[in-house]
Amino acid sequence: MGLAGLSENKKNYLMKQSIFFLFTFFASVAVVTGDTKTWKLIPTGYLNIERNEDNYGGFSGIDISDDGLDLLMITDKSFFFQLNLIRDQNQNLKDFAIKRDGRLLSSKGELLDKRNTDSESIVRDSNGVYFISFESNNRVMKHENIDGKAKFLERHQDFKKLGINSGIEALAIDKYNRLVAIPEKPPKGKSLLPIYRYESNTWSLIKEIEINNDFLVTGAEFISENKLLLLERKFSWTNGFKSRFRLLSLDFFGNNKPKIIFTSNPNQFDNLEGLAIWNDAKGNKRVITVSDDNFHPLQRSEIVEFILKFE
C-alpha cells in the first residue's frame, strides 16, 4: 500500500519520523567529521631504552599506570618487563629503571613455547585484569595477575582465518570494560580490516575499515566512549619505518575511513607498536608508544610520547 492509501495523520507521522531520522543522521556525521578535523598529535618526549640483555627487546604491547610512572611492556617472545619511568617537573620523560621482569604463563601455569609465545598487545580493565593477544596461534588470554596463570577467551570464528604473522595486533578496552580487538591484516578472503568486540563472553564483528596506503594497525586506545586512536606502521626497504595515527569513530554513523592526524617522516621513529594513554597533571592526554626492535642489531628499542590535543 502506497502513501495514497494512508490517512492524513499517518502521513504526517511518517513524514515527521523521516525528517527526524535525516536530521539525526546528518547531525551525527557532522559531529564525527568535525571532531576528527581538530585533533592534533604533538611529539613531546623520547627515551632510548636499549639494554644488552638476553630476551630484552621485541616490545610489542604496553600498559601505563594512571600517573604515567609505571610502564608494563610485553615482548613477542612472551616476556614482560615492568619499568619505572622517571619524569621531570613537567612530567616529560627523563630516564627509566627496570622494576621486575618475568614470563607469561599458559592456562596451565606453564611457560609458553613454540608457536604460543608471540604476544602482541596488552590492555588492563578497570578491575586490574589484563588481556593479552597472541599471533601465530591466534587468541586472546585473560590474566588476573601478569605473572599468573592465564585463561582462554572464546575465539571468534574469523580468528582461524588470520595469518600466522598477521593476527590480533591491537587490543583496546572501553569504559564499559568491553574488549576490542583488531588484526594486523584481514582474514583470508576479505579486503576490509575487521574490528571485533568481546562482550558477555561473546565476540562480535562491529565494524570494518579500509587499509590505507599499506599502513597496518599495530595499536589502539580509546580516547572517548566511541572514538578509537589507531597506531599504524609501514615499512619499505628504501624508506624504512613510518608511523601513523588515525582516529576512528565507532558510532553507528561513523564511516570506515579513519581520519589521519599524524604521519612520521621515514625512520623518524623505529617500529612503533605498543600504545597506551594517560592523563597528566594539566589534563593533557599523553599518548605513549614503544618500538619493537625485532631483536635486530640495526633497530632500536625506544619510547616515544605525544600529547593529544583537541584545538
Protein backbone atom coordinates (compact mmCIF):
# COMPACT_ATOMS: atom_id res chain seq x y z
CA MET A 1 0.00 0.00 0.00
CA GLY A 2 1.44 3.41 -1.04
CA LEU A 3 1.11 6.76 0.74
CA ALA A 4 -2.13 7.43 -1.11
CA GLY A 5 -3.83 4.74 0.93
CA LEU A 6 -2.84 6.20 4.28
CA SER A 7 -4.75 8.64 6.47
CA GLU A 8 -3.51 12.21 6.85
CA ASN A 9 -2.48 11.57 10.44
CA LYS A 10 -0.43 8.55 9.39
CA LYS A 11 1.20 10.52 6.57
CA ASN A 12 2.15 13.32 8.93
CA TYR A 13 3.57 10.85 11.44
CA LEU A 14 5.73 9.14 8.79
CA MET A 15 6.89 12.50 7.47
CA LYS A 16 7.96 13.63 10.94
CA GLN A 17 9.78 10.35 11.53
CA SER A 18 11.63 10.70 8.21
CA ILE A 19 12.67 14.27 8.99
CA PHE A 20 13.85 13.24 12.47
CA PHE A 21 15.89 10.37 11.02
CA LEU A 22 17.58 12.58 8.42
CA PHE A 23 18.33 15.29 10.98
CA THR A 24 19.87 12.71 13.36
CA PHE A 25 21.92 11.20 10.55
CA PHE A 26 23.47 14.41 9.29
CA ALA A 27 23.99 15.78 12.80
CA SER A 28 25.88 12.62 13.75
CA VAL A 29 28.05 12.78 10.64
CA ALA A 30 28.80 16.45 11.31
CA VAL A 31 29.89 15.71 14.87
CA VAL A 32 32.18 12.86 13.75
CA THR A 33 33.89 14.78 10.96
CA GLY A 34 34.06 17.98 12.95
CA ASP A 35 35.80 16.28 15.89
CA THR A 36 38.43 14.42 13.88
CA LYS A 37 39.49 17.52 11.91
CA THR A 38 40.62 19.31 15.06
CA TRP A 39 42.60 16.62 16.87
CA LYS A 40 46.38 17.12 16.85
CA LEU A 41 49.19 14.85 17.97
CA ILE A 42 52.39 16.59 19.12
CA PRO A 43 55.64 14.64 19.87
CA THR A 44 56.88 15.67 23.33
CA GLY A 45 59.27 13.02 24.60
CA TYR A 46 61.80 10.38 23.58
CA LEU A 47 63.66 7.78 25.60
CA ASN A 48 66.16 5.21 24.36
CA ILE A 49 65.63 2.07 26.44
CA GLU A 50 68.31 -0.16 24.91
CA ARG A 51 69.90 -2.77 27.18
CA ASN A 52 72.31 -5.54 26.24
CA GLU A 53 70.48 -8.40 27.95
CA ASP A 54 69.08 -11.71 26.76
CA ASN A 55 65.36 -11.66 25.93
CA TYR A 56 65.23 -7.86 26.32
CA GLY A 57 63.66 -6.25 23.24
CA GLY A 58 60.91 -7.07 20.77
CA PHE A 59 58.45 -4.92 22.74
CA SER A 60 55.03 -5.18 21.17
CA GLY A 61 52.46 -4.10 23.77
CA ILE A 62 52.34 -1.74 26.76
CA ASP A 63 50.13 -0.67 29.65
CA ILE A 64 50.66 2.56 31.58
CA SER A 65 49.59 3.46 35.12
CA ASP A 66 47.24 6.40 35.67
CA ASP A 67 50.11 8.62 36.86
CA GLY A 68 52.32 7.77 33.89
CA LEU A 69 55.12 6.33 36.04
CA ASP A 70 54.71 2.54 35.82
CA LEU A 71 55.04 1.03 32.35
CA LEU A 72 54.34 -2.66 31.73
CA MET A 73 55.77 -3.99 28.47
CA ILE A 74 55.36 -7.39 26.82
CA THR A 75 57.62 -8.83 24.16
CA ASP A 76 56.85 -11.02 21.18
CA LYS A 77 58.65 -13.84 23.00
CA SER A 78 56.13 -13.75 25.88
CA PHE A 79 58.39 -11.96 28.38
CA PHE A 80 57.22 -8.97 30.39
CA PHE A 81 59.16 -6.04 31.83
CA GLN A 82 57.85 -3.52 34.34
CA LEU A 83 59.56 -0.14 34.16
CA ASN A 84 59.62 2.83 36.47
CA LEU A 85 59.57 5.92 34.25
CA ILE A 86 61.46 8.89 35.67
CA ARG A 87 59.99 12.25 34.63
CA ASP A 88 61.00 15.88 35.08
CA GLN A 89 58.92 18.63 36.73
CA ASN A 90 56.86 18.97 33.52
CA GLN A 91 56.20 15.20 33.54
CA ASN A 92 58.30 14.70 30.43
CA LEU A 93 60.40 11.54 30.00
CA LYS A 94 63.85 11.67 31.60
CA ASP A 95 65.06 8.15 32.44
CA PHE A 96 63.87 4.67 33.38
CA ALA A 97 64.62 1.76 35.68
CA ILE A 98 63.50 -1.86 35.43
CA LYS A 99 61.46 -2.88 38.49
CA ARG A 100 60.90 -6.52 37.61
CA ASP A 101 60.60 -8.93 34.70
CA GLY A 102 59.19 -12.38 34.07
CA ARG A 103 57.47 -14.78 31.70
CA LEU A 104 53.84 -15.01 30.66
CA LEU A 105 52.25 -18.31 31.62
CA SER A 106 49.78 -20.62 29.93
CA SER A 107 46.32 -21.63 31.14
CA LYS A 108 48.07 -24.48 32.96
CA GLY A 109 50.50 -22.14 34.69
CA GLU A 110 53.38 -23.32 32.49
CA LEU A 111 55.88 -21.40 30.36
CA LEU A 112 54.72 -20.78 26.81
CA ASP A 113 56.62 -22.43 24.00
CA LYS A 114 56.90 -22.67 20.21
CA ARG A 115 54.03 -21.01 18.33
CA ASN A 116 52.27 -19.95 21.54
CA THR A 117 54.82 -17.29 22.53
CA ASP A 118 54.10 -14.41 20.10
CA SER A 119 52.36 -11.95 22.46
CA GLU A 120 51.42 -8.72 20.69
CA SER A 121 49.12 -6.44 22.70
CA ILE A 122 48.09 -5.90 26.32
CA VAL A 123 45.30 -3.92 27.99
CA ARG A 124 44.05 -3.66 31.57
CA ASP A 125 40.39 -3.25 32.53
CA SER A 126 39.03 -1.16 35.42
CA ASN A 127 39.32 -4.18 37.74
CA GLY A 128 43.04 -4.56 37.08
CA VAL A 129 42.62 -7.66 34.88
CA TYR A 130 44.97 -7.99 31.89
CA PHE A 131 44.06 -9.18 28.40
CA ILE A 132 46.85 -10.22 26.03
CA SER A 133 46.60 -11.07 22.34
CA PHE A 134 48.83 -13.55 20.53
CA GLU A 135 49.72 -14.17 16.89
CA SER A 136 50.66 -17.47 15.25
CA ASN A 137 48.24 -19.37 17.49
CA ASN A 138 45.74 -16.51 17.23
CA ARG A 139 43.97 -15.99 20.55
CA VAL A 140 43.32 -13.62 23.46
CA MET A 141 44.20 -14.63 27.03
CA LYS A 142 42.99 -13.23 30.35
CA HIS A 143 45.37 -12.76 33.29
CA GLU A 144 44.19 -11.85 36.78
CA ASN A 145 47.87 -11.20 37.54
CA ILE A 146 50.56 -10.54 34.96
CA ASP A 147 52.74 -13.33 36.36
CA GLY A 148 49.85 -15.70 37.00
CA LYS A 149 48.01 -18.46 35.17
CA ALA A 150 46.02 -17.39 32.10
CA LYS A 151 42.51 -18.17 30.91
CA PHE A 152 41.40 -18.62 27.30
CA LEU A 153 38.77 -16.33 25.81
CA GLU A 154 36.47 -17.93 23.30
CA ARG A 155 37.71 -17.34 19.75
CA HIS A 156 35.70 -15.61 17.03
CA GLN A 157 35.32 -17.88 14.02
CA ASP A 158 37.44 -15.45 11.94
CA PHE A 159 40.49 -15.91 14.17
CA LYS A 160 41.26 -19.22 12.47
CA LYS A 161 41.41 -17.38 9.13
CA LEU A 162 44.06 -14.90 10.27
CA GLY A 163 47.61 -15.32 9.01
CA ILE A 164 50.42 -16.73 11.14
CA ASN A 165 52.08 -13.31 11.43
CA SER A 166 49.04 -11.10 10.91
CA GLY A 167 46.72 -11.95 13.80
CA ILE A 168 45.29 -9.85 16.65
CA GLU A 169 47.77 -6.98 16.78
CA ALA A 170 45.82 -4.41 18.80
CA LEU A 171 43.58 -4.55 21.87
CA ALA A 172 41.64 -1.70 23.49
CA ILE A 173 39.09 -1.58 26.27
CA ASP A 174 36.23 0.90 26.63
CA LYS A 175 34.72 2.44 29.77
CA TYR A 176 32.23 -0.44 29.99
CA ASN A 177 35.12 -2.96 30.12
CA ARG A 178 34.26 -4.21 26.64
CA LEU A 179 37.29 -5.54 24.82
CA VAL A 180 38.02 -4.51 21.22
CA ALA A 181 40.43 -6.48 19.02
CA ILE A 182 41.92 -5.59 15.63
CA PRO A 183 44.11 -7.88 13.50
CA GLU A 184 47.12 -6.67 11.54
CA LYS A 185 45.59 -7.87 8.28
CA PRO A 186 42.08 -9.02 7.23
CA PRO A 187 41.12 -12.70 7.47
CA LYS A 188 41.65 -14.79 4.39
CA GLY A 189 39.12 -13.89 1.70
CA LYS A 190 38.35 -10.37 2.99
CA SER A 191 39.67 -6.96 1.94
CA LEU A 192 38.40 -4.79 4.81
CA LEU A 193 40.01 -4.84 8.24
CA PRO A 194 37.56 -6.15 10.87
CA ILE A 195 37.09 -4.77 14.36
CA TYR A 196 35.76 -7.24 16.93
CA ARG A 197 34.23 -6.62 20.34
CA TYR A 198 34.08 -9.05 23.25
CA GLU A 199 31.02 -8.62 25.45
CA SER A 200 29.07 -11.09 27.61
CA ASN A 201 31.57 -13.85 26.77
CA THR A 202 30.98 -13.48 23.02
CA TRP A 203 32.89 -11.88 20.15
CA SER A 204 31.01 -9.89 17.51
CA LEU A 205 32.07 -8.01 14.39
CA ILE A 206 31.23 -4.33 14.97
CA LYS A 207 32.94 -2.56 12.09
CA GLU A 208 35.18 -2.97 9.06
CA ILE A 209 37.65 -0.32 7.87
CA GLU A 210 39.76 0.24 4.80
CA ILE A 211 43.50 -0.37 4.81
CA ASN A 212 45.07 2.83 3.51
CA ASN A 213 48.42 3.22 1.74
CA ASP A 214 49.81 -0.08 3.06
CA PHE A 215 49.83 1.07 6.71
CA LEU A 216 48.96 -1.76 9.11
CA VAL A 217 47.44 -1.42 12.59
CA THR A 218 49.82 -2.10 15.48
CA GLY A 219 48.00 -0.50 18.43
CA ALA A 220 44.70 1.03 19.54
CA GLU A 221 43.32 3.01 22.50
CA PHE A 222 40.00 4.65 23.29
CA ILE A 223 40.15 8.43 23.74
CA SER A 224 36.40 8.72 24.37
CA GLU A 225 33.39 6.42 24.55
CA ASN A 226 33.22 5.69 20.82
CA LYS A 227 36.42 7.16 19.41
CA LEU A 228 39.45 4.96 18.86
CA LEU A 229 43.03 6.11 18.27
CA LEU A 230 44.85 3.76 15.90
CA LEU A 231 48.62 3.39 15.68
CA GLU A 232 49.77 2.12 12.29
CA ARG A 233 53.11 1.11 10.81
CA LYS A 234 54.53 0.92 7.30
CA PHE A 235 57.88 -0.50 6.22
CA SER A 236 59.83 -0.42 2.97
CA TRP A 237 63.45 -1.29 2.26
CA THR A 238 64.00 2.12 0.67
CA ASN A 239 62.34 4.33 3.34
CA GLY A 240 62.45 2.18 6.45
CA PHE A 241 59.70 2.60 9.06
CA LYS A 242 56.93 5.18 9.06
CA SER A 243 54.33 5.55 11.81
CA ARG A 244 50.85 6.99 11.51
CA PHE A 245 47.95 7.75 13.83
CA ARG A 246 44.32 7.78 12.74
CA LEU A 247 41.08 8.45 14.59
CA LEU A 248 38.14 6.12 14.09
CA SER A 249 34.56 6.65 15.20
CA LEU A 250 32.77 3.50 16.30
CA ASP A 251 29.42 5.32 16.20
CA PHE A 252 26.76 3.73 14.02
CA PHE A 253 27.02 6.59 11.51
CA GLY A 254 30.81 6.77 11.51
CA ASN A 255 32.42 5.86 8.17
CA ASN A 256 35.08 3.21 7.56
CA LYS A 257 37.85 5.67 6.67
CA PRO A 258 39.60 6.82 9.87
CA LYS A 259 40.96 10.37 9.88
CA ILE A 260 44.74 10.78 9.70
CA ILE A 261 46.06 13.09 12.44
CA PHE A 262 49.80 12.36 12.34
CA THR A 263 52.32 10.73 9.99
CA SER A 264 56.01 10.50 10.82
CA ASN A 265 58.88 11.05 8.47
CA PRO A 266 60.71 7.93 7.24
CA ASN A 267 62.79 6.49 10.08
CA GLN A 268 61.86 9.36 12.40
CA PHE A 269 60.96 6.59 14.83
CA ASP A 270 61.69 2.89 14.86
CA ASN A 271 59.00 0.22 14.58
CA LEU A 272 56.35 1.69 16.92
CA GLU A 273 53.87 -0.95 18.09
CA GLY A 274 52.73 -0.65 21.70
CA LEU A 275 50.25 2.14 22.54
CA ALA A 276 48.76 3.44 25.80
CA ILE A 277 47.23 6.71 27.06
CA TRP A 278 47.33 8.52 30.41
CA ASN A 279 46.33 12.00 31.63
CA ASP A 280 48.97 14.32 33.05
CA ALA A 281 48.55 16.89 35.86
CA LYS A 282 47.43 19.56 33.38
CA GLY A 283 44.71 17.31 31.99
CA ASN A 284 46.55 16.59 28.73
CA LYS A 285 46.13 13.20 27.12
CA ARG A 286 49.59 11.68 26.84
CA VAL A 287 50.00 9.03 24.15
CA ILE A 288 52.94 6.74 24.89
CA THR A 289 54.36 4.22 22.42
CA VAL A 290 57.19 1.69 22.34
CA SER A 291 59.13 0.23 19.44
CA ASP A 292 59.62 -3.42 18.55
CA ASP A 293 63.25 -3.82 17.51
CA ASN A 294 62.63 -7.41 16.38
CA PHE A 295 65.85 -8.27 18.29
CA HIS A 296 67.75 -6.85 15.30
CA PRO A 297 71.07 -5.00 15.88
CA LEU A 298 70.21 -2.29 13.34
CA GLN A 299 66.95 -1.40 15.10
CA ARG A 300 66.42 0.23 18.49
CA SER A 301 64.15 -0.03 21.49
CA GLU A 302 62.64 3.36 22.25
CA ILE A 303 59.73 5.04 23.99
CA VAL A 304 58.10 7.94 22.18
CA GLU A 305 55.46 10.12 23.84
CA PHE A 306 52.98 12.57 22.34
CA ILE A 307 50.35 14.99 23.60
CA LEU A 308 46.94 14.60 22.00
CA LYS A 309 45.13 17.92 21.75
CA PHE A 310 41.70 18.98 20.59
CA GLU A 311 42.02 22.54 19.24
